[in-house]
Amino acid sequence: VQLQASGGGLVQPGGSLRLSCAASGSMFGIADMGWYRQAPGKQRDLVARIIRGGATNYADAVKGRFTISKDGAKNIIYLQMNNLKPEDTGVYYCFVMRGYDGYNYWGQGTQVTVSS
């Protein structure tokens, strides 16, 4: 599985961005999918994920502002980010998780900078 993330950029506080992650290759056996982010000098943390079956999880810091979705026919994962804050700044990585062993495939990351 190969993942290609896009949609990052520079946005003012309060603005919006939509990240996309296009997956290619066999998605057979894929369970969870979603997004992590890594702020400068910090560890990579989960932002949002879709669990097999369709349930979603969000980090507390983004609940009510971010929405994760997927287009199953096109194998694209989206992250709609609204009311962005400076603390949302970081590199956003998409992932898909192989169900039988928990192995994660990663996209290359896309930079999101929230600044006035």
N, C-alpha and C. Protein backbone atom coordinates (compact mmCIF):
# COMPACT_ATOMS: atom_id res chain seq x y z
N VAL A 1 0.86 -1.19 0.00
CA VAL A 1 0.00 0.00 0.00
C VAL A 1 0.89 1.24 0.00
N GLN A 2 0.57 2.17 -0.89
CA GLN A 2 1.28 3.47 -0.92
C GLN A 2 0.27 4.57 -0.66
N LEU A 3 0.69 5.55 0.13
CA LEU A 3 -0.19 6.65 0.51
C LEU A 3 0.43 7.97 0.07
N GLN A 4 -0.39 8.82 -0.52
CA GLN A 4 0.06 10.14 -0.97
C GLN A 4 -0.82 11.20 -0.34
N ALA A 5 -0.23 11.97 0.59
CA ALA A 5 -0.98 13.01 1.28
C ALA A 5 -0.82 14.35 0.58
N SER A 6 -1.86 15.17 0.67
CA SER A 6 -1.82 16.50 0.08
C SER A 6 -2.79 17.41 0.80
N GLY A 7 -2.70 18.70 0.51
CA GLY A 7 -3.68 19.65 1.03
C GLY A 7 -3.17 20.56 2.13
N GLY A 8 -1.95 20.36 2.59
CA GLY A 8 -1.42 21.22 3.63
C GLY A 8 -1.12 22.61 3.10
N GLY A 9 -0.76 23.50 4.02
CA GLY A 9 -0.42 24.85 3.62
C GLY A 9 -0.39 25.79 4.80
N LEU A 10 -0.32 27.08 4.47
CA LEU A 10 -0.32 28.13 5.48
C LEU A 10 -1.72 28.73 5.55
N VAL A 11 -2.25 28.83 6.76
CA VAL A 11 -3.60 29.37 6.95
C VAL A 11 -3.62 30.22 8.20
N GLN A 12 -4.46 31.23 8.21
CA GLN A 12 -4.60 32.08 9.39
C GLN A 12 -5.44 31.38 10.46
N PRO A 13 -5.26 31.74 11.71
CA PRO A 13 -6.12 31.20 12.77
C PRO A 13 -7.60 31.42 12.44
N GLY A 14 -8.38 30.39 12.68
CA GLY A 14 -9.79 30.45 12.34
C GLY A 14 -10.11 29.94 10.96
N GLY A 15 -9.10 29.71 10.16
CA GLY A 15 -9.30 29.25 8.79
C GLY A 15 -9.51 27.74 8.71
N SER A 16 -9.63 27.26 7.48
CA SER A 16 -9.91 25.85 7.23
C SER A 16 -8.96 25.28 6.17
N LEU A 17 -8.73 24.00 6.27
CA LEU A 17 -8.00 23.25 5.26
C LEU A 17 -8.62 21.87 5.16
N ARG A 18 -8.49 21.25 3.99
CA ARG A 18 -8.89 19.85 3.85
C ARG A 18 -7.70 19.06 3.35
N LEU A 19 -7.30 18.10 4.14
CA LEU A 19 -6.22 17.20 3.75
C LEU A 19 -6.81 15.98 3.04
N SER A 20 -6.06 15.47 2.07
CA SER A 20 -6.45 14.26 1.36
C SER A 20 -5.31 13.27 1.40
N CYS A 21 -5.67 12.00 1.40
CA CYS A 21 -4.66 10.94 1.39
C CYS A 21 -5.16 9.87 0.43
N ALA A 22 -4.48 9.75 -0.70
CA ALA A 22 -4.87 8.78 -1.71
C ALA A 22 -4.07 7.50 -1.53
N ALA A 23 -4.77 6.39 -1.44
CA ALA A 23 -4.13 5.09 -1.24
C ALA A 23 -4.13 4.31 -2.55
N SER A 24 -3.01 3.68 -2.83
CA SER A 24 -2.92 2.81 -3.99
C SER A 24 -2.40 1.44 -3.54
N GLY A 25 -2.68 0.44 -4.35
CA GLY A 25 -2.32 -0.92 -3.97
C GLY A 25 -3.51 -1.62 -3.33
N SER A 26 -3.29 -2.85 -2.92
CA SER A 26 -4.37 -3.63 -2.35
C SER A 26 -4.75 -3.15 -0.96
N MET A 27 -6.01 -2.88 -0.76
CA MET A 27 -6.53 -2.47 0.54
C MET A 27 -7.16 -3.66 1.27
N PHE A 28 -6.93 -4.86 0.74
CA PHE A 28 -7.48 -6.06 1.38
C PHE A 28 -6.88 -6.21 2.77
N GLY A 29 -7.72 -6.42 3.76
CA GLY A 29 -7.22 -6.62 5.12
C GLY A 29 -6.93 -5.36 5.89
N ILE A 30 -7.16 -4.21 5.27
CA ILE A 30 -6.92 -2.96 5.98
C ILE A 30 -8.02 -2.73 7.00
N ALA A 31 -7.64 -2.34 8.21
CA ALA A 31 -8.60 -2.09 9.26
C ALA A 31 -8.74 -0.58 9.49
N ASP A 32 -8.01 -0.03 10.43
CA ASP A 32 -8.13 1.38 10.75
C ASP A 32 -7.38 2.25 9.73
N MET A 33 -7.78 3.49 9.64
CA MET A 33 -7.08 4.46 8.80
C MET A 33 -7.29 5.84 9.41
N GLY A 34 -6.38 6.76 9.12
CA GLY A 34 -6.57 8.09 9.69
C GLY A 34 -5.37 8.97 9.58
N TRP A 35 -5.23 9.86 10.57
CA TRP A 35 -4.21 10.89 10.52
C TRP A 35 -3.53 11.05 11.88
N TYR A 36 -2.22 11.21 11.84
CA TYR A 36 -1.42 11.63 12.97
C TYR A 36 -0.83 12.99 12.63
N ARG A 37 -0.35 13.68 13.63
CA ARG A 37 0.41 14.90 13.38
C ARG A 37 1.60 14.96 14.32
N GLN A 38 2.63 15.68 13.86
CA GLN A 38 3.84 15.85 14.65
C GLN A 38 4.22 17.32 14.66
N ALA A 39 4.11 17.93 15.83
CA ALA A 39 4.52 19.32 15.98
C ALA A 39 6.04 19.37 16.17
N PRO A 40 6.65 20.49 15.89
CA PRO A 40 8.11 20.60 16.04
C PRO A 40 8.56 20.23 17.45
N GLY A 41 9.51 19.32 17.54
CA GLY A 41 10.06 18.93 18.83
C GLY A 41 9.18 18.01 19.66
N LYS A 42 8.09 17.53 19.07
CA LYS A 42 7.17 16.68 19.82
C LYS A 42 6.99 15.34 19.13
N GLN A 43 6.37 14.41 19.82
CA GLN A 43 6.13 13.10 19.25
C GLN A 43 4.94 13.15 18.30
N ARG A 44 4.82 12.11 17.51
CA ARG A 44 3.70 12.00 16.59
C ARG A 44 2.48 11.51 17.36
N ASP A 45 1.38 12.26 17.26
CA ASP A 45 0.16 11.94 18.01
C ASP A 45 -1.01 11.70 17.07
N LEU A 46 -1.91 10.85 17.49
CA LEU A 46 -3.12 10.57 16.72
C LEU A 46 -4.03 11.79 16.71
N VAL A 47 -4.53 12.13 15.54
CA VAL A 47 -5.50 13.22 15.39
C VAL A 47 -6.91 12.65 15.24
N ALA A 48 -7.06 11.73 14.29
CA ALA A 48 -8.37 11.16 14.02
C ALA A 48 -8.20 9.85 13.27
N ARG A 49 -9.14 8.94 13.47
CA ARG A 49 -9.08 7.69 12.74
C ARG A 49 -10.49 7.16 12.51
N ILE A 50 -10.59 6.34 11.48
CA ILE A 50 -11.81 5.60 11.17
C ILE A 50 -11.49 4.13 11.44
N ILE A 51 -12.29 3.55 12.29
CA ILE A 51 -12.13 2.14 12.63
C ILE A 51 -12.93 1.31 11.62
N ARG A 52 -12.45 0.08 11.34
CA ARG A 52 -13.21 -0.80 10.44
C ARG A 52 -14.63 -0.91 10.97
N GLY A 53 -15.59 -0.66 10.10
CA GLY A 53 -16.98 -0.62 10.51
C GLY A 53 -17.52 0.78 10.48
N GLY A 54 -16.60 1.77 10.48
CA GLY A 54 -17.03 3.14 10.26
C GLY A 54 -17.00 4.07 11.46
N ALA A 55 -16.78 3.55 12.66
CA ALA A 55 -16.73 4.44 13.83
C ALA A 55 -15.50 5.33 13.73
N THR A 56 -15.58 6.50 14.33
CA THR A 56 -14.49 7.46 14.28
C THR A 56 -14.02 7.82 15.69
N ASN A 57 -12.73 8.10 15.80
CA ASN A 57 -12.13 8.59 17.05
C ASN A 57 -11.40 9.88 16.75
N TYR A 58 -11.43 10.80 17.71
CA TYR A 58 -10.72 12.07 17.56
C TYR A 58 -9.93 12.37 18.83
N ALA A 59 -8.80 13.03 18.65
CA ALA A 59 -8.10 13.57 19.80
C ALA A 59 -8.96 14.66 20.43
N ASP A 60 -8.90 14.78 21.75
CA ASP A 60 -9.74 15.76 22.44
C ASP A 60 -9.50 17.18 21.89
N ALA A 61 -8.27 17.47 21.51
CA ALA A 61 -7.92 18.83 21.08
C ALA A 61 -8.60 19.23 19.77
N VAL A 62 -9.08 18.26 19.00
CA VAL A 62 -9.66 18.59 17.69
C VAL A 62 -11.15 18.28 17.59
N LYS A 63 -11.71 17.68 18.63
CA LYS A 63 -13.14 17.34 18.60
C LYS A 63 -13.98 18.59 18.35
N GLY A 64 -14.94 18.44 17.45
CA GLY A 64 -15.81 19.56 17.11
C GLY A 64 -15.25 20.48 16.04
N ARG A 65 -13.98 20.31 15.70
CA ARG A 65 -13.36 21.16 14.67
C ARG A 65 -12.91 20.37 13.45
N PHE A 66 -12.48 19.15 13.66
CA PHE A 66 -11.98 18.31 12.57
C PHE A 66 -12.98 17.19 12.29
N THR A 67 -13.05 16.82 11.02
CA THR A 67 -13.91 15.71 10.61
C THR A 67 -13.13 14.80 9.68
N ILE A 68 -13.08 13.53 10.00
CA ILE A 68 -12.42 12.55 9.15
C ILE A 68 -13.49 11.81 8.34
N SER A 69 -13.16 11.53 7.09
CA SER A 69 -14.08 10.79 6.23
C SER A 69 -13.27 10.03 5.20
N LYS A 70 -13.95 9.16 4.47
CA LYS A 70 -13.26 8.42 3.42
C LYS A 70 -14.18 8.22 2.24
N ASP A 71 -13.55 8.09 1.10
CA ASP A 71 -14.25 7.71 -0.12
C ASP A 71 -13.76 6.31 -0.45
N GLY A 72 -14.55 5.32 -0.10
CA GLY A 72 -14.12 3.94 -0.28
C GLY A 72 -13.91 3.55 -1.72
N ALA A 73 -14.69 4.11 -2.61
CA ALA A 73 -14.56 3.76 -4.02
C ALA A 73 -13.24 4.26 -4.60
N LYS A 74 -12.80 5.42 -4.12
CA LYS A 74 -11.57 6.02 -4.64
C LYS A 74 -10.37 5.77 -3.73
N ASN A 75 -10.60 5.13 -2.58
CA ASN A 75 -9.52 4.90 -1.60
C ASN A 75 -8.84 6.20 -1.20
N ILE A 76 -9.64 7.18 -0.82
CA ILE A 76 -9.12 8.46 -0.37
C ILE A 76 -9.63 8.73 1.05
N ILE A 77 -8.73 9.17 1.90
CA ILE A 77 -9.08 9.56 3.27
C ILE A 77 -8.98 11.07 3.35
N TYR A 78 -9.97 11.70 3.96
CA TYR A 78 -9.98 13.15 4.08
C TYR A 78 -9.92 13.56 5.55
N LEU A 79 -9.37 14.74 5.77
CA LEU A 79 -9.44 15.36 7.09
C LEU A 79 -9.83 16.82 6.87
N GLN A 80 -11.07 17.14 7.19
CA GLN A 80 -11.55 18.51 7.11
C GLN A 80 -11.22 19.19 8.43
N MET A 81 -10.47 20.28 8.35
CA MET A 81 -10.03 20.97 9.55
C MET A 81 -10.59 22.39 9.53
N ASN A 82 -11.42 22.70 10.50
CA ASN A 82 -12.04 24.01 10.61
C ASN A 82 -11.58 24.70 11.89
N ASN A 83 -11.75 26.02 11.92
CA ASN A 83 -11.38 26.81 13.09
C ASN A 83 -9.97 26.46 13.56
N LEU A 84 -9.05 26.49 12.64
CA LEU A 84 -7.69 26.09 12.95
C LEU A 84 -7.03 27.03 13.94
N LYS A 85 -6.18 26.46 14.77
CA LYS A 85 -5.48 27.21 15.81
C LYS A 85 -3.97 27.05 15.61
N PRO A 86 -3.19 27.99 16.12
CA PRO A 86 -1.73 27.86 15.97
C PRO A 86 -1.18 26.53 16.49
N GLU A 87 -1.80 25.98 17.51
CA GLU A 87 -1.34 24.70 18.06
C GLU A 87 -1.65 23.52 17.16
N ASP A 88 -2.38 23.74 16.09
CA ASP A 88 -2.61 22.68 15.09
C ASP A 88 -1.45 22.57 14.11
N THR A 89 -0.51 23.48 14.21
CA THR A 89 0.65 23.46 13.32
C THR A 89 1.46 22.18 13.48
N GLY A 90 1.86 21.61 12.36
CA GLY A 90 2.68 20.41 12.38
C GLY A 90 2.65 19.71 11.04
N VAL A 91 3.35 18.60 10.99
CA VAL A 91 3.31 17.75 9.81
C VAL A 91 2.25 16.68 10.04
N TYR A 92 1.34 16.57 9.10
CA TYR A 92 0.24 15.62 9.21
C TYR A 92 0.54 14.40 8.34
N TYR A 93 0.45 13.24 8.96
CA TYR A 93 0.73 11.97 8.29
C TYR A 93 -0.53 11.12 8.25
N CYS A 94 -0.87 10.63 7.08
CA CYS A 94 -1.96 9.68 7.01
C CYS A 94 -1.41 8.26 7.17
N PHE A 95 -2.27 7.37 7.60
CA PHE A 95 -1.87 5.98 7.79
C PHE A 95 -3.06 5.07 7.50
N VAL A 96 -2.73 3.84 7.16
CA VAL A 96 -3.71 2.76 7.16
C VAL A 96 -3.07 1.60 7.90
N MET A 97 -3.86 0.89 8.65
CA MET A 97 -3.36 -0.18 9.49
C MET A 97 -3.82 -1.54 8.96
N ARG A 98 -2.85 -2.46 8.84
CA ARG A 98 -3.16 -3.81 8.43
C ARG A 98 -3.79 -4.53 9.61
N GLY A 99 -4.95 -5.14 9.34
CA GLY A 99 -5.73 -5.67 10.45
C GLY A 99 -5.11 -6.84 11.18
N TYR A 100 -4.43 -7.75 10.44
CA TYR A 100 -4.03 -8.99 11.10
C TYR A 100 -2.81 -8.85 11.99
N ASP A 101 -2.02 -7.79 11.82
CA ASP A 101 -0.84 -7.64 12.66
C ASP A 101 -0.61 -6.22 13.17
N GLY A 102 -1.51 -5.29 12.79
CA GLY A 102 -1.37 -3.93 13.29
C GLY A 102 -0.30 -3.10 12.63
N TYR A 103 0.27 -3.59 11.55
CA TYR A 103 1.32 -2.84 10.86
C TYR A 103 0.71 -1.61 10.19
N ASN A 104 1.37 -0.46 10.35
CA ASN A 104 0.91 0.79 9.74
C ASN A 104 1.70 1.14 8.49
N TYR A 105 0.98 1.46 7.44
CA TYR A 105 1.58 2.10 6.27
C TYR A 105 1.42 3.60 6.45
N TRP A 106 2.45 4.37 6.05
CA TRP A 106 2.43 5.81 6.26
C TRP A 106 2.56 6.59 4.96
N GLY A 107 1.87 7.73 4.91
CA GLY A 107 2.09 8.68 3.85
C GLY A 107 3.31 9.52 4.17
N GLN A 108 3.67 10.39 3.23
CA GLN A 108 4.92 11.14 3.36
C GLN A 108 4.80 12.37 4.24
N GLY A 109 3.61 12.74 4.63
CA GLY A 109 3.43 13.92 5.47
C GLY A 109 3.15 15.17 4.67
N THR A 110 2.31 16.01 5.22
CA THR A 110 2.01 17.31 4.60
C THR A 110 2.01 18.37 5.70
N GLN A 111 2.69 19.48 5.43
CA GLN A 111 2.88 20.52 6.45
C GLN A 111 1.64 21.40 6.55
N VAL A 112 1.20 21.60 7.78
CA VAL A 112 0.13 22.55 8.07
C VAL A 112 0.69 23.60 9.02
N THR A 113 0.60 24.85 8.62
CA THR A 113 1.07 25.95 9.44
C THR A 113 -0.08 26.93 9.67
N VAL A 114 -0.40 27.16 10.93
CA VAL A 114 -1.47 28.09 11.30
C VAL A 114 -0.83 29.30 11.97
N SER A 115 -0.86 30.39 11.27
CA SER A 115 -0.18 31.59 11.75
C SER A 115 -0.78 32.83 11.11
N SER A 116 -0.76 33.91 11.88
CA SER A 116 -1.21 35.19 11.33
C SER A 116 -0.02 35.98 10.79
